Amino acid sequence: MSKRDDLIAKYADDLKNKCGVKADMDLLTKVTIGCGPSIYNRDASTVSGSDPKECATVKNNFLIKKLGLADSASLDDAIQSVLNTYGKSNPSKYRAVVYYMLTKHFKKESVYS
């Protein structure tokens, strides 16, 4: 298995065990590929839910630019909802997992088809 395949397996495990979500492996793979090389960087591969700047980055770079959503308070609410589902006590929230759950939340799977 490649390093990316190992990471995708780790993300699927997080979705199952930390979020209670059965992963759509095809979508998870596409979201992971969409994250680009950031998945291999220890700092860039995770999202710090307690950092307002990080949440703004997720909102602007992913929800607005990638998924094409309009800026609104519902985007912030969705980010917080996903982070809460992942678990506040869990310090390592993988970016690909957060992006996957946000894609599912907004039913924007078509962006990756």
Protein backbone atom coordinates (compact mmCIF):
# COMPACT_ATOMS: atom_id res chain seq x y z
CA MET A 1 0.00 0.00 0.00
CA SER A 2 1.10 3.53 -0.69
CA LYS A 3 1.49 6.17 1.98
CA ARG A 4 -1.71 7.84 0.72
CA ASP A 5 -3.60 4.53 0.98
CA ASP A 6 -2.35 4.16 4.56
CA LEU A 7 -3.61 7.65 5.38
CA ILE A 8 -7.00 6.98 3.76
CA ALA A 9 -7.33 3.82 5.89
CA LYS A 10 -6.45 5.90 8.99
CA TYR A 11 -9.08 8.52 8.03
CA ALA A 12 -11.73 5.82 7.52
CA ASP A 13 -10.88 4.43 10.95
CA ASP A 14 -11.28 7.90 12.50
CA LEU A 15 -14.65 8.34 10.77
CA LYS A 16 -15.84 4.98 12.11
CA ASN A 17 -14.41 5.04 15.62
CA LYS A 18 -14.34 8.74 16.53
CA CYS A 19 -17.25 10.10 14.49
CA GLY A 20 -19.58 7.11 14.23
CA VAL A 21 -19.71 7.46 10.43
CA LYS A 22 -19.33 4.68 7.85
CA ALA A 23 -17.08 6.13 5.18
CA ASP A 24 -17.92 6.21 1.50
CA MET A 25 -14.42 5.12 0.52
CA ASP A 26 -14.66 6.49 -3.03
CA LEU A 27 -15.59 9.96 -1.75
CA LEU A 28 -13.03 9.80 1.07
CA THR A 29 -10.32 8.96 -1.46
CA LYS A 30 -11.33 11.88 -3.69
CA VAL A 31 -11.46 14.31 -0.75
CA THR A 32 -8.03 13.10 0.41
CA ILE A 33 -6.56 13.56 -3.07
CA GLY A 34 -8.16 17.02 -3.17
CA CYS A 35 -6.24 17.98 -0.02
CA GLY A 36 -3.05 17.61 -2.03
CA PRO A 37 0.35 17.38 -0.39
CA SER A 38 -0.95 18.88 2.88
CA ILE A 39 -1.89 15.36 4.04
CA TYR A 40 1.82 14.52 4.33
CA ASN A 41 2.65 17.57 6.47
CA ARG A 42 2.08 16.99 10.19
CA ASP A 43 0.80 20.50 10.88
CA ALA A 44 -1.18 21.04 7.67
CA SER A 45 -2.83 17.61 7.79
CA THR A 46 -4.83 18.50 10.91
CA VAL A 47 -7.39 21.15 11.81
CA SER A 48 -7.19 22.97 15.12
CA GLY A 49 -10.81 23.53 16.07
CA SER A 50 -9.88 25.92 18.87
CA ASP A 51 -8.07 28.30 16.50
CA PRO A 52 -10.46 30.85 14.93
CA LYS A 53 -7.93 31.49 12.15
CA GLU A 54 -7.89 27.80 11.26
CA CYS A 55 -11.69 27.64 11.18
CA ALA A 56 -11.71 30.70 8.90
CA THR A 57 -9.29 28.93 6.58
CA VAL A 58 -11.57 25.87 6.40
CA LYS A 59 -14.52 28.15 5.72
CA ASN A 60 -12.87 30.31 3.05
CA ASN A 61 -10.61 27.83 1.28
CA PHE A 62 -12.81 24.76 1.42
CA LEU A 63 -16.47 25.63 1.92
CA ILE A 64 -16.54 28.81 -0.16
CA LYS A 65 -13.83 28.24 -2.78
CA LYS A 66 -13.93 24.45 -3.22
CA LEU A 67 -17.59 23.63 -2.51
CA GLY A 68 -18.91 26.93 -3.89
CA LEU A 69 -21.07 27.80 -0.89
CA ALA A 70 -22.14 31.34 -0.08
CA ASP A 71 -20.64 32.91 3.05
CA SER A 72 -23.09 32.73 5.94
CA ALA A 73 -23.29 31.90 9.63
CA SER A 74 -24.48 28.40 8.70
CA LEU A 75 -20.96 27.64 7.44
CA ASP A 76 -19.46 28.43 10.86
CA ASP A 77 -22.21 26.38 12.53
CA ALA A 78 -21.46 23.41 10.25
CA ILE A 79 -17.73 23.59 11.00
CA GLN A 80 -18.41 23.60 14.74
CA SER A 81 -20.92 20.76 14.38
CA VAL A 82 -18.36 18.62 12.52
CA LEU A 83 -15.63 19.43 15.05
CA ASN A 84 -18.00 18.53 17.90
CA THR A 85 -18.87 15.23 16.18
CA TYR A 86 -15.14 14.51 15.81
CA GLY A 87 -14.77 15.20 19.53
CA LYS A 88 -13.47 18.29 21.31
CA SER A 89 -11.08 16.15 23.37
CA ASN A 90 -9.49 14.75 20.22
CA PRO A 91 -6.53 17.05 19.42
CA SER A 92 -5.75 15.52 16.01
CA LYS A 93 -8.64 16.23 13.72
CA TYR A 94 -7.50 15.20 10.28
CA ARG A 95 -8.22 17.78 7.59
CA ALA A 96 -9.41 15.13 5.11
CA VAL A 97 -11.91 13.77 7.67
CA VAL A 98 -13.23 17.26 8.48
CA TYR A 99 -13.53 18.07 4.76
CA TYR A 100 -15.25 14.72 4.10
CA MET A 101 -17.84 15.35 6.84
CA LEU A 102 -18.44 18.92 5.62
CA THR A 103 -18.90 17.65 2.06
CA LYS A 104 -21.50 15.15 3.31
CA HIS A 105 -23.14 17.76 5.57
CA PHE A 106 -23.75 20.13 2.66
CA LYS A 107 -24.54 17.27 0.23
CA LYS A 108 -21.82 18.49 -2.14
CA GLU A 109 -20.50 15.06 -3.17
CA SER A 110 -21.04 16.12 -6.80
CA VAL A 111 -18.00 18.44 -6.51
CA TYR A 112 -15.84 15.31 -6.44
CA SER A 113 -17.57 13.34 -9.23
